[in-house]
Structures are given as C-alpha cells and as structure tokens.
C-alpha cells in the first residue's frame, strides 16, 4: 500500500505518519525532512530573490543586465543575448514554431486542426 498525506504545515501529517509507522511498521518518507537534511549537508541551497533577473543570475552565473541610458543591455548579458536572438528571429521573419509566413505551425495536444 502507498499512502500520501497532504495538508497545510502543522496539520498533523508528520504525527499521523509516525503513528502509522509505529503501529503498522510502514516506512515514513518526509520530503520536508529530506530537504532540511540536504540543506544542512550543503547539497541543496535556497536563495531568496526579489526579481526574475536575480533568479536568472543565480541560476546561470551570467549577469542579467539592465538597459542603459541608450536603451541597450550590456554586451554579454543574458538579456542582451535574448534580445539579440529575438531580433534574429524577427529578421528572418520566423518566430520559433512558426512557418515561413510567421504562422504557428506546431499543434500541441490541446490544439486540434479545424
């Protein structure tokens, strides 16, 4: 049997899991305990960020970059790279997933041909 206990923090999931473990000998796996253990061992890190740019910088190690007075991002910044790639797509008249006329050519599982 597999049982997953879901609930808000402090709702008693851990208490009930411990009781079932003691009474029925079923293993208890707590993702919260696993996460706290990994953080304490330095295998997992939690970084608070206030903006998407901060998160991008933390995950990639590349500065996101802010627009300068002339409206351009600093060379080599992630935002400059993204802007350059989007300009390349626009120049070719082709967005990702579009045909040569710029129409969307890919149909996902929820999109049906009419």
N, C-alpha and C. Protein backbone atom coordinates (compact mmCIF):
# COMPACT_ATOMS: atom_id res chain seq x y z
N UNK A 1 0.85 -1.18 0.00
CA UNK A 1 0.00 0.00 0.00
C UNK A 1 0.89 1.23 0.00
N UNK A 2 0.50 2.22 -0.76
CA UNK A 2 1.19 3.51 -0.77
C UNK A 2 0.19 4.56 -0.33
N UNK A 3 0.62 5.39 0.59
CA UNK A 3 -0.25 6.42 1.13
C UNK A 3 0.51 7.73 1.16
N UNK A 4 -0.11 8.77 0.66
CA UNK A 4 0.48 10.09 0.67
C UNK A 4 -0.41 10.98 1.52
N UNK A 5 0.20 11.62 2.51
CA UNK A 5 -0.55 12.53 3.37
C UNK A 5 -0.26 13.96 2.92
N UNK A 6 -1.30 14.68 2.58
CA UNK A 6 -1.18 16.07 2.14
C UNK A 6 -1.89 16.97 3.12
N UNK A 7 -1.37 18.15 3.31
CA UNK A 7 -2.03 19.10 4.18
C UNK A 7 -1.15 20.30 4.44
N UNK A 8 -1.73 21.29 5.04
CA UNK A 8 -1.01 22.53 5.37
C UNK A 8 0.04 22.26 6.44
N UNK A 9 1.06 23.11 6.52
CA UNK A 9 2.05 22.96 7.59
C UNK A 9 1.36 22.96 8.96
N UNK A 10 1.79 22.04 9.80
CA UNK A 10 1.22 21.98 11.15
C UNK A 10 -0.11 21.27 11.25
N UNK A 11 -0.56 20.63 10.16
CA UNK A 11 -1.88 19.98 10.18
C UNK A 11 -1.83 18.56 10.76
N UNK A 12 -0.64 18.05 11.04
CA UNK A 12 -0.54 16.74 11.67
C UNK A 12 -0.11 15.61 10.75
N UNK A 13 0.35 15.93 9.54
CA UNK A 13 0.78 14.88 8.60
C UNK A 13 1.91 14.05 9.20
N UNK A 14 2.91 14.72 9.74
CA UNK A 14 4.06 14.03 10.32
C UNK A 14 3.68 13.19 11.52
N UNK A 15 2.79 13.71 12.36
CA UNK A 15 2.33 12.98 13.54
C UNK A 15 1.61 11.70 13.13
N UNK A 16 0.73 11.83 12.17
CA UNK A 16 -0.02 10.64 11.71
C UNK A 16 0.91 9.62 11.05
N UNK A 17 1.87 10.11 10.27
CA UNK A 17 2.82 9.21 9.61
C UNK A 17 3.65 8.45 10.65
N UNK A 18 4.07 9.13 11.70
CA UNK A 18 4.84 8.48 12.76
C UNK A 18 3.99 7.43 13.47
N UNK A 19 2.73 7.73 13.71
CA UNK A 19 1.84 6.76 14.36
C UNK A 19 1.64 5.52 13.49
N UNK A 20 1.46 5.74 12.17
CA UNK A 20 1.29 4.58 11.27
C UNK A 20 2.58 3.76 11.20
N UNK A 21 3.71 4.43 11.24
CA UNK A 21 4.99 3.73 11.21
C UNK A 21 5.14 2.86 12.46
N UNK A 22 4.82 3.42 13.61
CA UNK A 22 4.95 2.67 14.86
C UNK A 22 3.94 1.51 14.94
N UNK A 23 2.73 1.77 14.52
CA UNK A 23 1.68 0.76 14.67
C UNK A 23 1.73 -0.33 13.60
N UNK A 24 2.04 0.06 12.34
CA UNK A 24 1.96 -0.89 11.23
C UNK A 24 3.31 -1.23 10.62
N UNK A 25 4.36 -0.56 11.08
CA UNK A 25 5.69 -0.84 10.56
C UNK A 25 5.91 -0.37 9.14
N UNK A 26 5.12 0.59 8.68
CA UNK A 26 5.30 1.11 7.32
C UNK A 26 6.37 2.20 7.35
N UNK A 27 7.17 2.30 6.31
CA UNK A 27 8.20 3.35 6.30
C UNK A 27 7.59 4.73 6.14
N UNK A 28 8.25 5.70 6.73
CA UNK A 28 7.82 7.09 6.60
C UNK A 28 8.89 7.85 5.83
N UNK A 29 8.49 8.48 4.75
CA UNK A 29 9.40 9.32 3.97
C UNK A 29 8.81 10.72 3.99
N UNK A 30 9.57 11.63 4.57
CA UNK A 30 9.11 13.02 4.66
C UNK A 30 9.97 13.88 3.75
N UNK A 31 9.36 14.44 2.72
CA UNK A 31 10.14 15.28 1.82
C UNK A 31 10.68 16.51 2.54
N UNK A 32 9.95 17.02 3.51
CA UNK A 32 10.45 18.15 4.29
C UNK A 32 11.71 17.79 5.05
N UNK A 33 11.70 16.61 5.67
CA UNK A 33 12.90 16.15 6.39
C UNK A 33 14.07 15.96 5.42
N UNK A 34 13.80 15.37 4.25
CA UNK A 34 14.85 15.16 3.26
C UNK A 34 15.43 16.49 2.78
N UNK A 35 14.57 17.48 2.58
CA UNK A 35 15.03 18.79 2.13
C UNK A 35 15.87 19.46 3.20
N UNK A 36 15.40 19.45 4.44
CA UNK A 36 16.17 20.08 5.52
C UNK A 36 17.52 19.40 5.70
N UNK A 37 17.55 18.07 5.56
CA UNK A 37 18.81 17.33 5.67
C UNK A 37 19.77 17.71 4.54
N UNK A 38 19.25 17.84 3.32
CA UNK A 38 20.09 18.21 2.19
C UNK A 38 20.63 19.63 2.33
N UNK A 39 19.81 20.54 2.83
CA UNK A 39 20.26 21.92 3.06
C UNK A 39 21.36 21.93 4.12
N UNK A 40 21.17 21.20 5.21
CA UNK A 40 22.17 21.15 6.28
C UNK A 40 23.49 20.55 5.80
N UNK A 41 23.42 19.59 4.86
CA UNK A 41 24.62 18.94 4.34
C UNK A 41 25.27 19.72 3.20
N UNK A 42 24.64 20.84 2.80
CA UNK A 42 25.19 21.65 1.72
C UNK A 42 24.92 21.10 0.32
N UNK A 43 23.98 20.16 0.19
CA UNK A 43 23.64 19.59 -1.11
C UNK A 43 22.50 20.32 -1.81
N UNK A 44 21.87 21.22 -1.12
CA UNK A 44 20.73 21.95 -1.66
C UNK A 44 20.77 23.35 -1.07
N UNK A 45 20.49 24.33 -1.88
CA UNK A 45 20.55 25.71 -1.41
C UNK A 45 19.25 26.43 -1.75
N UNK A 46 18.85 27.30 -0.87
CA UNK A 46 17.68 28.13 -1.09
C UNK A 46 18.17 29.57 -1.14
N UNK A 47 17.90 30.24 -2.26
CA UNK A 47 18.35 31.61 -2.44
C UNK A 47 17.12 32.51 -2.61
N UNK A 48 16.90 33.42 -1.70
CA UNK A 48 15.78 34.34 -1.89
C UNK A 48 16.13 35.36 -2.97
N UNK A 49 15.21 35.60 -3.88
CA UNK A 49 15.39 36.61 -4.92
C UNK A 49 14.14 37.47 -4.98
N UNK A 50 14.33 38.71 -5.36
CA UNK A 50 13.20 39.63 -5.45
C UNK A 50 12.71 39.80 -6.89
N UNK A 51 13.56 39.48 -7.86
CA UNK A 51 13.19 39.66 -9.26
C UNK A 51 13.59 38.44 -10.09
N UNK A 52 13.00 38.32 -11.24
CA UNK A 52 13.36 37.25 -12.16
C UNK A 52 14.82 37.40 -12.58
N UNK A 53 15.25 38.63 -12.82
CA UNK A 53 16.65 38.85 -13.19
C UNK A 53 17.61 38.32 -12.13
N UNK A 54 17.29 38.53 -10.87
CA UNK A 54 18.14 37.99 -9.80
C UNK A 54 18.18 36.46 -9.85
N UNK A 55 17.03 35.84 -10.09
CA UNK A 55 16.97 34.39 -10.19
C UNK A 55 17.76 33.87 -11.37
N UNK A 56 17.66 34.55 -12.51
CA UNK A 56 18.41 34.17 -13.70
C UNK A 56 19.91 34.24 -13.42
N UNK A 57 20.34 35.32 -12.79
CA UNK A 57 21.75 35.47 -12.47
C UNK A 57 22.23 34.37 -11.53
N UNK A 58 21.42 34.03 -10.55
CA UNK A 58 21.80 33.00 -9.58
C UNK A 58 21.90 31.63 -10.26
N UNK A 59 20.96 31.33 -11.14
CA UNK A 59 20.94 30.01 -11.78
C UNK A 59 21.99 29.85 -12.88
N UNK A 60 22.27 30.93 -13.62
CA UNK A 60 23.18 30.82 -14.76
C UNK A 60 24.59 31.30 -14.48
N UNK A 61 24.73 32.18 -13.50
CA UNK A 61 26.04 32.78 -13.25
C UNK A 61 26.36 33.88 -14.24
N UNK A 62 25.41 34.23 -15.10
CA UNK A 62 25.59 35.29 -16.10
C UNK A 62 24.76 36.49 -15.66
N UNK A 63 25.35 37.69 -15.66
CA UNK A 63 24.55 38.87 -15.30
C UNK A 63 23.37 39.05 -16.24
N UNK A 64 22.20 39.34 -15.66
CA UNK A 64 21.00 39.55 -16.48
C UNK A 64 21.15 40.83 -17.29
N UNK A 65 21.63 41.88 -16.66
CA UNK A 65 21.84 43.16 -17.34
C UNK A 65 20.62 44.05 -17.29
N UNK A 66 20.89 45.34 -17.13
CA UNK A 66 19.82 46.35 -17.15
C UNK A 66 20.05 47.26 -18.33
N UNK A 67 18.98 47.76 -18.90
CA UNK A 67 19.11 48.68 -20.03
C UNK A 67 19.86 49.94 -19.60
N UNK A 68 20.76 50.37 -20.46
CA UNK A 68 21.49 51.61 -20.21
C UNK A 68 20.70 52.81 -20.69
N UNK A 69 21.28 54.00 -20.57
CA UNK A 69 20.58 55.22 -20.98
C UNK A 69 20.16 55.20 -22.45
N UNK A 70 20.94 54.52 -23.30
CA UNK A 70 20.59 54.44 -24.72
C UNK A 70 19.59 53.35 -25.04
N UNK A 71 19.17 52.58 -24.03
CA UNK A 71 18.17 51.54 -24.23
C UNK A 71 18.73 50.16 -24.51
N UNK A 72 20.08 50.04 -24.54
CA UNK A 72 20.69 48.75 -24.84
C UNK A 72 21.11 48.05 -23.54
N UNK A 73 21.08 46.72 -23.59
CA UNK A 73 21.60 45.93 -22.47
C UNK A 73 23.12 45.84 -22.59
N UNK A 74 23.82 45.63 -21.49
CA UNK A 74 25.28 45.49 -21.56
C UNK A 74 25.66 44.29 -22.43
N UNK A 75 26.71 44.42 -23.25
CA UNK A 75 27.16 43.29 -24.08
C UNK A 75 27.48 42.07 -23.22
N UNK A 76 27.05 40.90 -23.69
CA UNK A 76 27.33 39.67 -22.97
C UNK A 76 26.33 39.33 -21.88
N UNK A 77 25.45 40.28 -21.54
CA UNK A 77 24.45 40.00 -20.50
C UNK A 77 23.39 39.06 -21.07
N UNK A 78 22.72 38.35 -20.19
CA UNK A 78 21.70 37.40 -20.63
C UNK A 78 20.57 38.10 -21.37
N UNK A 79 20.15 39.26 -20.87
CA UNK A 79 19.07 39.98 -21.54
C UNK A 79 19.51 40.44 -22.93
N UNK A 80 20.78 40.82 -23.09
CA UNK A 80 21.29 41.21 -24.41
C UNK A 80 21.27 40.02 -25.36
N UNK A 81 21.63 38.84 -24.85
CA UNK A 81 21.64 37.65 -25.69
C UNK A 81 20.23 37.29 -26.13
N UNK A 82 19.27 37.37 -25.19
CA UNK A 82 17.87 37.06 -25.52
C UNK A 82 17.34 38.06 -26.54
N UNK A 83 17.62 39.34 -26.31
CA UNK A 83 17.15 40.36 -27.24
C UNK A 83 17.74 40.15 -28.64
N UNK A 84 19.03 39.79 -28.70
CA UNK A 84 19.67 39.55 -29.98
C UNK A 84 19.03 38.35 -30.70
N UNK A 85 18.75 37.29 -29.95
CA UNK A 85 18.14 36.10 -30.56
C UNK A 85 16.74 36.43 -31.08
N UNK A 86 15.97 37.18 -30.31
CA UNK A 86 14.63 37.56 -30.76
C UNK A 86 14.70 38.43 -32.02
N UNK A 87 15.70 39.31 -32.07
CA UNK A 87 15.87 40.15 -33.26
C UNK A 87 16.23 39.28 -34.47
N UNK A 88 17.06 38.25 -34.25
CA UNK A 88 17.39 37.33 -35.34
C UNK A 88 16.15 36.64 -35.86
N UNK A 89 15.28 36.17 -34.96
CA UNK A 89 14.04 35.53 -35.39
C UNK A 89 13.18 36.51 -36.19
N UNK A 90 13.08 37.74 -35.71
CA UNK A 90 12.26 38.74 -36.39
C UNK A 90 12.85 39.05 -37.76
N UNK A 91 14.18 39.14 -37.83
CA UNK A 91 14.85 39.42 -39.10
C UNK A 91 14.55 38.35 -40.13
N UNK A 92 14.54 37.12 -39.72
CA UNK A 92 14.26 36.02 -40.63
C UNK A 92 12.77 35.90 -40.91
N UNK A 93 11.95 36.68 -40.19
CA UNK A 93 10.51 36.58 -40.37
C UNK A 93 9.96 35.28 -39.85
N UNK A 94 10.68 34.72 -38.89
CA UNK A 94 10.29 33.40 -38.41
C UNK A 94 10.45 33.34 -36.90
N UNK A 95 9.36 33.22 -36.22
CA UNK A 95 9.40 33.01 -34.77
C UNK A 95 9.55 31.52 -34.52
N UNK A 96 10.08 31.14 -33.35
CA UNK A 96 10.17 29.70 -33.06
C UNK A 96 8.80 29.04 -33.17
N UNK A 97 8.73 27.94 -33.89
CA UNK A 97 7.47 27.22 -34.02
C UNK A 97 6.56 27.77 -35.10
N UNK A 98 7.07 28.69 -35.92
CA UNK A 98 6.23 29.28 -36.96
C UNK A 98 6.74 28.85 -38.34
N UNK A 99 5.84 28.92 -39.33
CA UNK A 99 6.26 28.61 -40.69
C UNK A 99 6.84 29.87 -41.33
N UNK A 100 7.12 29.83 -42.63
CA UNK A 100 7.79 30.95 -43.30
C UNK A 100 6.93 32.22 -43.35
N UNK A 101 5.64 32.06 -43.25
CA UNK A 101 4.77 33.24 -43.25
C UNK A 101 4.53 33.76 -41.83
N UNK A 102 5.20 33.16 -40.83
CA UNK A 102 5.06 33.62 -39.46
C UNK A 102 3.88 33.01 -38.74
N UNK A 103 3.20 32.05 -39.40
CA UNK A 103 2.05 31.40 -38.76
C UNK A 103 2.55 30.27 -37.87
N UNK A 104 1.85 30.05 -36.82
CA UNK A 104 2.20 28.95 -35.92
C UNK A 104 1.95 27.63 -36.65
N UNK A 105 2.97 26.76 -36.70
CA UNK A 105 2.83 25.52 -37.46
C UNK A 105 2.72 24.30 -36.56
N UNK A 106 3.05 24.42 -35.32
CA UNK A 106 3.01 23.28 -34.42
C UNK A 106 1.69 23.27 -33.68
N UNK A 107 1.10 22.10 -33.58
CA UNK A 107 -0.16 21.96 -32.85
C UNK A 107 0.09 21.08 -31.65
N UNK A 108 -0.17 21.62 -30.48
CA UNK A 108 0.01 20.88 -29.25
C UNK A 108 -1.12 19.91 -29.02
N UNK A 109 -1.05 19.14 -27.94
CA UNK A 109 -2.07 18.13 -27.68
C UNK A 109 -3.47 18.70 -27.49
N UNK A 110 -3.56 19.97 -27.07
CA UNK A 110 -4.89 20.55 -26.86
C UNK A 110 -5.38 21.34 -28.07
N UNK A 111 -4.49 21.45 -29.09
CA UNK A 111 -4.89 22.19 -30.29
C UNK A 111 -5.25 21.18 -31.35
N UNK A 112 -6.43 21.32 -31.93
CA UNK A 112 -6.86 20.41 -32.97
C UNK A 112 -7.02 21.17 -34.28
N UNK A 113 -6.80 20.48 -35.36
CA UNK A 113 -6.95 21.09 -36.66
C UNK A 113 -8.43 21.28 -36.97
N UNK A 114 -8.78 22.43 -37.49
CA UNK A 114 -10.20 22.71 -37.77
C UNK A 114 -10.51 22.58 -39.22
